[in-house]
Amino acid sequence: MPKAMPLALTIGEPAGIGPDLSLALWRRRAEFDLPVFYLIGEVDFLKRRARALGLDVALAEVEPAQAASTFARALPVKPLGLPVTAAPGRPDETSAPAAIASIRRAVDDVMAGQAAAVVTNPIAKTVLTRAGFPDPGHTEYLARLAQEAGKSATPVMMLWSPELAVVPVTIHIPLREVCSALTTPLIVDTGRIVARDLSARFGIARPRLAVAALNPHAGEDGTLGEEDAAIVAPAVKQLQADGIDAVGPLPADTMFHERARQGYDAALCMYHDQALIPIKTLAFDHGVNVTLGLPFVRTSPDHGTAFDLAGTGKANPGSLLAALRLAARLTANAPALVPAK
């Protein structure tokens, strides 16, 4: 994939901090040696937000092919053609259509070979749900868009930082439902995708996976739960039979200290907080959400819309910066994508 292609950055929830961070990072493009990106949004809206933040930002409406030649002098913006009037911290009726359209157009551009990767600013799931959005979140919508374009997609969420990479096998479900949702095939399929993409995109020749136990002390021989022996251990054996360097089930309370982290490239965790608590403790301001299992590279900052910070200029851009840098790094290893017809 040509290195000159820009990254497609979505507007995210217009009332959140995504627009703020995008504007602020572009102003510091030379300081951070940013990869070239263009923002899919509306110039008038971005001008209003820049004024609210007290930022002097030049904006230019462009197509993706013009982003590289524009980036040094103005923030390249691919227009949505939709009204966006949301005030900072106050999502209104325009928020959902703009956020959804921005994601779709970013994927369209990547599938058409006009952008190298998709980088998504945070969305507000409650706003989208009230507007009738049928998908649980970003990840599922991205997979559906890829499938609509005729590409296979089995999305897996990985949270990555230089200190730690974690993958929750079950994600946004109530804790009481984890045991019924967790199956050996689900763990195996997740592990296979993680190993494949760590090799293909992260350049790790033989990825090492540490598989966390579900129960305390890995079930303590069944006295603290039978799921680890019945569900998790068979999955680890199957991954090993596939030639994947996997170990487990391991007691989660001893997996994340510094010495333990040296022994693996990614941790497969059985539920959301088992994965996210350690990485947000270690890398709160620079963790990146990476969707594996897609036919294109997608990254996102590992934080939400932060309505309370929108328009204040106080939001930390570290995670979006890390997401842009990681997307640029991963596109160098990503397999070439045949443009959608």
Protein backbone atom coordinates (compact mmCIF):
# COMPACT_ATOMS: atom_id res chain seq x y z
CA MET A 1 0.00 0.00 0.00
CA PRO A 2 1.51 3.33 -1.00
CA LYS A 3 3.01 5.16 1.94
CA ALA A 4 1.90 8.51 0.53
CA MET A 5 -1.76 7.73 1.13
CA PRO A 6 -3.24 9.72 4.01
CA LEU A 7 -5.11 8.40 7.03
CA ALA A 8 -8.87 8.97 7.11
CA LEU A 9 -9.83 10.49 10.49
CA THR A 10 -13.51 10.53 11.42
CA ILE A 11 -15.19 13.43 13.20
CA GLY A 12 -16.57 11.17 15.94
CA GLU A 13 -19.31 12.61 18.16
CA PRO A 14 -19.39 16.29 17.14
CA ALA A 15 -20.28 17.42 20.66
CA GLY A 16 -17.37 15.48 22.17
CA ILE A 17 -13.63 16.04 22.30
CA GLY A 18 -12.81 14.41 18.95
CA PRO A 19 -12.99 17.68 16.98
CA ASP A 20 -10.98 19.48 19.69
CA LEU A 21 -8.18 16.91 19.64
CA SER A 22 -8.06 16.82 15.83
CA LEU A 23 -7.68 20.59 15.61
CA ALA A 24 -5.13 20.74 18.42
CA LEU A 25 -2.98 17.95 16.99
CA TRP A 26 -2.88 19.46 13.51
CA ARG A 27 -1.59 22.73 15.02
CA ARG A 28 1.28 20.72 16.56
CA ARG A 29 1.92 18.64 13.41
CA ALA A 30 5.56 19.68 13.12
CA GLU A 31 6.27 19.16 16.82
CA PHE A 32 4.85 15.63 16.75
CA ASP A 33 5.93 14.79 13.18
CA LEU A 34 2.37 13.67 12.50
CA PRO A 35 1.47 11.28 9.68
CA VAL A 36 -0.69 12.97 7.06
CA PHE A 37 -4.42 12.68 7.73
CA TYR A 38 -7.61 14.33 6.58
CA LEU A 39 -10.65 14.89 8.78
CA ILE A 40 -14.10 13.89 7.52
CA GLY A 41 -16.35 16.64 8.80
CA GLU A 42 -17.68 20.12 7.99
CA VAL A 43 -15.51 23.22 7.66
CA ASP A 44 -18.08 25.62 9.13
CA PHE A 45 -18.53 23.43 12.20
CA LEU A 46 -14.78 23.09 12.66
CA LYS A 47 -14.32 26.86 12.33
CA ARG A 48 -16.84 27.40 15.13
CA ARG A 49 -15.13 24.84 17.33
CA ALA A 50 -11.68 26.34 16.66
CA ARG A 51 -12.99 29.79 17.66
CA ALA A 52 -14.50 28.34 20.83
CA LEU A 53 -11.11 26.85 21.67
CA GLY A 54 -9.20 29.99 20.74
CA LEU A 55 -7.24 28.11 18.08
CA ASP A 56 -6.00 29.63 14.84
CA VAL A 57 -6.45 26.73 12.40
CA ALA A 58 -6.42 27.00 8.62
CA LEU A 59 -8.95 24.61 7.03
CA ALA A 60 -9.18 23.41 3.44
CA GLU A 61 -11.88 21.30 1.79
CA VAL A 62 -10.10 18.53 -0.13
CA GLU A 63 -10.41 15.08 -1.60
CA PRO A 64 -8.09 12.43 -0.13
CA ALA A 65 -5.61 12.72 -3.01
CA GLN A 66 -5.00 16.37 -2.08
CA ALA A 67 -4.42 15.78 1.63
CA ALA A 68 -0.65 15.28 1.45
CA SER A 69 -0.02 18.48 -0.49
CA THR A 70 -2.39 20.44 1.79
CA PHE A 71 -1.37 19.15 5.23
CA ALA A 72 1.57 21.49 5.83
CA ARG A 73 -0.48 24.67 5.34
CA ALA A 74 -4.05 23.70 6.30
CA LEU A 75 -5.98 20.92 7.99
CA PRO A 76 -7.45 18.89 5.11
CA VAL A 77 -11.21 18.37 5.53
CA LYS A 78 -13.34 16.10 3.38
CA PRO A 79 -16.85 17.58 3.64
CA LEU A 80 -19.78 15.49 4.82
CA GLY A 81 -22.46 17.57 3.15
CA LEU A 82 -24.52 17.35 6.34
CA PRO A 83 -25.39 20.11 8.81
CA VAL A 84 -23.45 19.79 12.05
CA THR A 85 -24.59 22.18 14.76
CA ALA A 86 -23.81 20.34 18.01
CA ALA A 87 -22.31 22.58 20.68
CA PRO A 88 -19.45 21.30 22.85
CA GLY A 89 -20.80 18.93 25.47
CA ARG A 90 -24.37 19.14 24.10
CA PRO A 91 -25.14 16.48 21.47
CA ASP A 92 -28.18 17.40 19.38
CA GLU A 93 -30.17 15.83 16.56
CA THR A 94 -27.32 16.33 14.07
CA SER A 95 -24.81 14.32 16.08
CA ALA A 96 -25.76 10.81 15.02
CA PRO A 97 -26.09 11.30 11.22
CA ALA A 98 -22.79 13.17 11.05
CA ALA A 99 -20.92 10.62 13.16
CA ILE A 100 -22.30 7.67 11.18
CA ALA A 101 -21.69 9.26 7.78
CA SER A 102 -18.10 10.11 8.70
CA ILE A 103 -17.34 6.46 9.55
CA ARG A 104 -18.95 5.16 6.37
CA ARG A 105 -17.02 7.58 4.18
CA ALA A 106 -13.73 6.74 5.87
CA VAL A 107 -14.30 3.06 5.17
CA ASP A 108 -15.38 3.82 1.60
CA ASP A 109 -12.15 5.76 1.03
CA VAL A 110 -9.99 2.95 2.38
CA MET A 111 -11.87 0.32 0.40
CA ALA A 112 -11.45 2.45 -2.73
CA GLY A 113 -7.69 2.71 -2.20
CA GLN A 114 -7.78 6.45 -1.45
CA ALA A 115 -6.78 6.25 2.22
CA ALA A 116 -4.30 4.04 4.03
CA ALA A 117 -6.29 3.38 7.22
CA VAL A 118 -9.28 4.43 9.27
CA VAL A 119 -8.72 6.31 12.53
CA THR A 120 -11.92 6.95 14.46
CA ASN A 121 -12.62 9.66 16.99
CA PRO A 122 -14.90 8.63 19.88
CA ILE A 123 -18.65 8.26 19.33
CA ALA A 124 -21.49 8.40 21.86
CA LYS A 125 -23.29 5.05 21.69
CA THR A 126 -26.35 6.35 23.53
CA VAL A 127 -26.78 9.16 21.00
CA LEU A 128 -26.50 6.73 18.09
CA THR A 129 -28.87 4.21 19.68
CA ARG A 130 -31.55 6.85 20.23
CA ALA A 131 -31.21 7.73 16.53
CA GLY A 132 -31.94 4.12 15.53
CA PHE A 133 -28.36 3.00 14.89
CA PRO A 134 -28.61 -0.83 14.81
CA ASP A 135 -25.03 -1.77 15.74
CA PRO A 136 -23.68 -1.98 19.32
CA GLY A 137 -20.73 0.24 18.47
CA HIS A 138 -17.89 1.16 16.16
CA THR A 139 -16.43 -2.32 15.84
CA GLU A 140 -19.60 -4.03 14.67
CA TYR A 141 -20.45 -1.21 12.25
CA LEU A 142 -16.99 -1.35 10.69
CA ALA A 143 -17.34 -5.10 10.21
CA ARG A 144 -20.75 -4.66 8.59
CA LEU A 145 -19.39 -2.03 6.19
CA ALA A 146 -16.54 -4.35 5.19
CA GLN A 147 -18.99 -7.20 4.62
CA GLU A 148 -21.26 -4.97 2.55
CA ALA A 149 -18.23 -4.29 0.34
CA GLY A 150 -17.74 -8.03 -0.17
CA LYS A 151 -14.88 -8.51 2.30
CA SER A 152 -14.79 -11.02 5.13
CA ALA A 153 -14.55 -9.53 8.61
CA THR A 154 -14.45 -11.06 12.09
CA PRO A 155 -13.65 -8.10 14.34
CA VAL A 156 -11.56 -8.51 17.47
CA MET A 157 -10.89 -5.60 19.82
CA MET A 158 -7.34 -5.15 21.03
CA LEU A 159 -6.15 -2.40 23.34
CA TRP A 160 -2.50 -1.71 22.61
CA SER A 161 0.27 0.30 24.22
CA PRO A 162 4.04 -0.11 24.32
CA GLU A 163 3.64 -1.49 27.84
CA LEU A 164 0.82 -3.97 27.25
CA ALA A 165 -1.59 -5.35 24.64
CA VAL A 166 -4.84 -6.95 25.78
CA VAL A 167 -7.80 -8.58 24.02
CA PRO A 168 -11.14 -9.07 25.79
CA VAL A 169 -12.74 -12.26 24.43
CA THR A 170 -16.19 -11.13 25.60
CA ILE A 171 -16.71 -7.41 25.45
CA HIS A 172 -19.72 -5.20 26.15
CA ILE A 173 -22.01 -7.56 28.01
CA PRO A 174 -23.10 -7.67 31.67
CA LEU A 175 -20.71 -9.56 33.91
CA ARG A 176 -23.43 -12.07 34.82
CA GLU A 177 -23.63 -13.10 31.14
CA VAL A 178 -19.92 -13.76 30.65
CA CYS A 179 -20.03 -17.43 31.69
CA SER A 180 -22.78 -18.27 29.23
CA ALA A 181 -21.17 -16.29 26.38
CA LEU A 182 -17.68 -17.71 26.88
CA THR A 183 -17.00 -20.81 24.78
CA THR A 184 -13.96 -22.76 23.67
CA PRO A 185 -14.54 -21.96 19.96
CA LEU A 186 -14.84 -18.23 20.76
CA ILE A 187 -11.51 -18.23 22.59
CA VAL A 188 -9.86 -20.24 19.80
CA ASP A 189 -11.20 -18.01 17.01
CA THR A 190 -10.13 -14.89 18.90
CA GLY A 191 -6.65 -16.28 19.54
CA ARG A 192 -6.18 -17.23 15.89
CA ILE A 193 -7.09 -13.74 14.69
CA VAL A 194 -4.84 -12.10 17.26
CA ALA A 195 -1.88 -14.32 16.36
CA ARG A 196 -2.43 -13.76 12.63
CA ASP A 197 -2.63 -9.97 12.86
CA LEU A 198 0.23 -9.65 15.32
CA SER A 199 2.32 -11.42 12.72
CA ALA A 200 0.95 -9.78 9.57
CA ARG A 201 0.54 -6.22 10.83
CA PHE A 202 2.75 -5.84 13.87
CA GLY A 203 5.64 -7.79 12.34
CA ILE A 204 5.98 -10.26 15.24
CA ALA A 205 7.30 -13.45 13.70
CA ARG A 206 5.95 -15.81 16.37
CA PRO A 207 3.41 -14.05 18.59
CA ARG A 208 3.17 -15.20 22.20
CA LEU A 209 -0.30 -15.26 23.73
CA ALA A 210 -1.00 -15.40 27.45
CA VAL A 211 -4.54 -16.64 28.11
CA ALA A 212 -6.11 -15.45 31.35
CA ALA A 213 -8.25 -17.67 33.51
CA LEU A 214 -11.83 -16.66 34.14
CA ASN A 215 -11.88 -17.48 37.84
CA PRO A 216 -9.56 -16.51 40.71
CA HIS A 217 -6.48 -18.75 40.91
CA ALA A 218 -7.48 -20.31 37.56
CA GLY A 219 -10.34 -22.09 39.30
CA GLU A 220 -8.21 -23.69 42.02
CA ASP A 221 -8.76 -27.22 40.60
CA GLY A 222 -12.48 -26.64 40.34
CA THR A 223 -13.08 -25.35 43.85
CA LEU A 224 -13.43 -21.77 42.55
CA GLY A 225 -15.24 -22.64 39.32
CA GLU A 226 -15.09 -25.26 36.59
CA GLU A 227 -14.99 -22.96 33.56
CA ASP A 228 -11.22 -22.77 33.31
CA ALA A 229 -10.79 -26.55 33.07
CA ALA A 230 -13.87 -27.06 30.91
CA ILE A 231 -13.69 -24.07 28.54
CA VAL A 232 -10.42 -22.15 28.70
CA ALA A 233 -7.87 -24.97 28.95
CA PRO A 234 -9.20 -26.83 25.88
CA ALA A 235 -8.99 -23.59 23.90
CA VAL A 236 -5.34 -23.15 24.85
CA LYS A 237 -4.60 -26.73 23.79
CA GLN A 238 -6.29 -26.13 20.43
CA LEU A 239 -4.28 -22.97 19.85
CA GLN A 240 -1.10 -24.85 20.66
CA ALA A 241 -2.14 -27.62 18.25
CA ASP A 242 -2.51 -24.90 15.59
CA GLY A 243 1.13 -24.00 16.13
CA ILE A 244 0.38 -20.83 18.12
CA ASP A 245 2.58 -20.04 21.11
CA ALA A 246 -0.16 -19.86 23.75
CA VAL A 247 -0.04 -20.52 27.49
CA GLY A 248 -2.80 -20.68 30.09
CA PRO A 249 -5.20 -20.48 31.69
CA LEU A 250 -3.15 -18.19 33.92
CA PRO A 251 -4.32 -16.54 37.15
CA ALA A 252 -5.11 -12.99 36.07
CA ASP A 253 -3.84 -11.44 39.29
CA THR A 254 -0.24 -12.30 38.41
CA MET A 255 -0.29 -11.64 34.64
CA PHE A 256 0.22 -7.91 34.45
CA HIS A 257 3.22 -6.97 36.57
CA GLU A 258 6.32 -5.84 34.68
CA ARG A 259 8.23 -9.13 34.74
CA ALA A 260 5.21 -11.17 33.65
CA ARG A 261 4.55 -8.84 30.70
CA GLN A 262 7.96 -9.65 29.25
CA GLY A 263 6.76 -13.19 28.56
CA TYR A 264 4.00 -12.46 26.04
CA ASP A 265 2.98 -10.14 23.22
CA ALA A 266 -0.75 -10.03 23.98
CA ALA A 267 -3.01 -11.16 26.79
CA LEU A 268 -6.33 -12.80 25.98
CA CYS A 269 -8.73 -11.88 28.75
CA MET A 270 -12.10 -13.43 29.39
CA TYR A 271 -14.13 -10.27 30.01
CA HIS A 272 -14.03 -6.53 29.50
CA ASP A 273 -12.66 -5.21 32.79
CA GLN A 274 -10.13 -8.04 33.15
CA ALA A 275 -8.49 -6.58 30.04
CA LEU A 276 -9.16 -2.87 30.34
CA ILE A 277 -8.30 -2.24 33.98
CA PRO A 278 -4.61 -3.18 33.62
CA ILE A 279 -4.03 -1.34 30.34
CA LYS A 280 -5.82 1.80 31.51
CA THR A 281 -3.76 1.70 34.69
CA LEU A 282 -0.52 1.42 32.73
CA ALA A 283 -1.32 3.55 29.66
CA PHE A 284 -4.35 5.71 30.36
CA ASP A 285 -3.24 8.63 28.19
CA HIS A 286 -1.68 6.74 25.28
CA GLY A 287 -3.52 3.44 24.87
CA VAL A 288 -4.94 2.67 21.41
CA ASN A 289 -8.00 0.66 20.42
CA VAL A 290 -7.08 -1.50 17.41
CA THR A 291 -9.67 -3.58 15.57
CA LEU A 292 -8.13 -6.82 14.35
CA GLY A 293 -9.85 -9.14 11.89
CA LEU A 294 -10.83 -6.40 9.43
CA PRO A 295 -9.60 -6.15 5.82
CA PHE A 296 -8.13 -2.72 6.64
CA VAL A 297 -6.30 -1.05 9.52
CA ARG A 298 -8.49 0.71 12.07
CA THR A 299 -7.29 2.43 15.23
CA SER A 300 -8.96 4.72 17.73
CA PRO A 301 -8.05 6.57 20.92
CA ASP A 302 -8.84 4.53 24.01
CA HIS A 303 -11.19 7.05 25.60
CA GLY A 304 -14.72 8.31 25.20
CA THR A 305 -16.36 11.55 24.14
CA ALA A 306 -15.63 13.36 27.45
CA PHE A 307 -18.50 15.84 27.07
CA ASP A 308 -17.36 17.64 30.22
CA LEU A 309 -14.04 18.53 28.55
CA ALA A 310 -15.38 19.36 25.07
CA GLY A 311 -14.72 22.96 24.12
CA THR A 312 -12.44 23.60 27.11
CA GLY A 313 -9.08 22.87 25.49
CA LYS A 314 -8.17 20.66 28.46
CA ALA A 315 -8.51 17.25 26.77
CA ASN A 316 -5.27 15.27 26.46
CA PRO A 317 -4.45 14.44 22.80
CA GLY A 318 -2.00 11.65 23.69
CA SER A 319 -4.27 8.73 22.82
CA LEU A 320 -5.34 10.17 19.44
CA LEU A 321 -1.70 10.93 18.68
CA ALA A 322 -0.81 7.31 19.49
CA ALA A 323 -3.71 6.07 17.34
CA LEU A 324 -2.54 8.07 14.32
CA ARG A 325 1.05 6.93 14.74
CA LEU A 326 0.08 3.28 15.18
CA ALA A 327 -2.21 3.38 12.12
CA ALA A 328 0.67 4.72 10.04
CA ARG A 329 2.96 2.00 11.38
CA LEU A 330 0.49 -0.82 10.75
CA THR A 331 -0.29 0.23 7.18
CA ALA A 332 3.33 -0.44 6.29
CA ASN A 333 2.73 -4.13 7.08
CA ALA A 334 -0.93 -4.43 6.07
CA PRO A 335 -1.67 -6.59 3.00
CA ALA A 336 -2.67 -4.63 -0.07
CA LEU A 337 -6.42 -4.09 -0.27
CA VAL A 338 -8.10 -4.59 -3.62
CA PRO A 339 -10.29 -1.51 -4.15
CA ALA A 340 -14.03 -2.14 -3.89
CA LYS A 341 -15.85 -1.93 -7.22
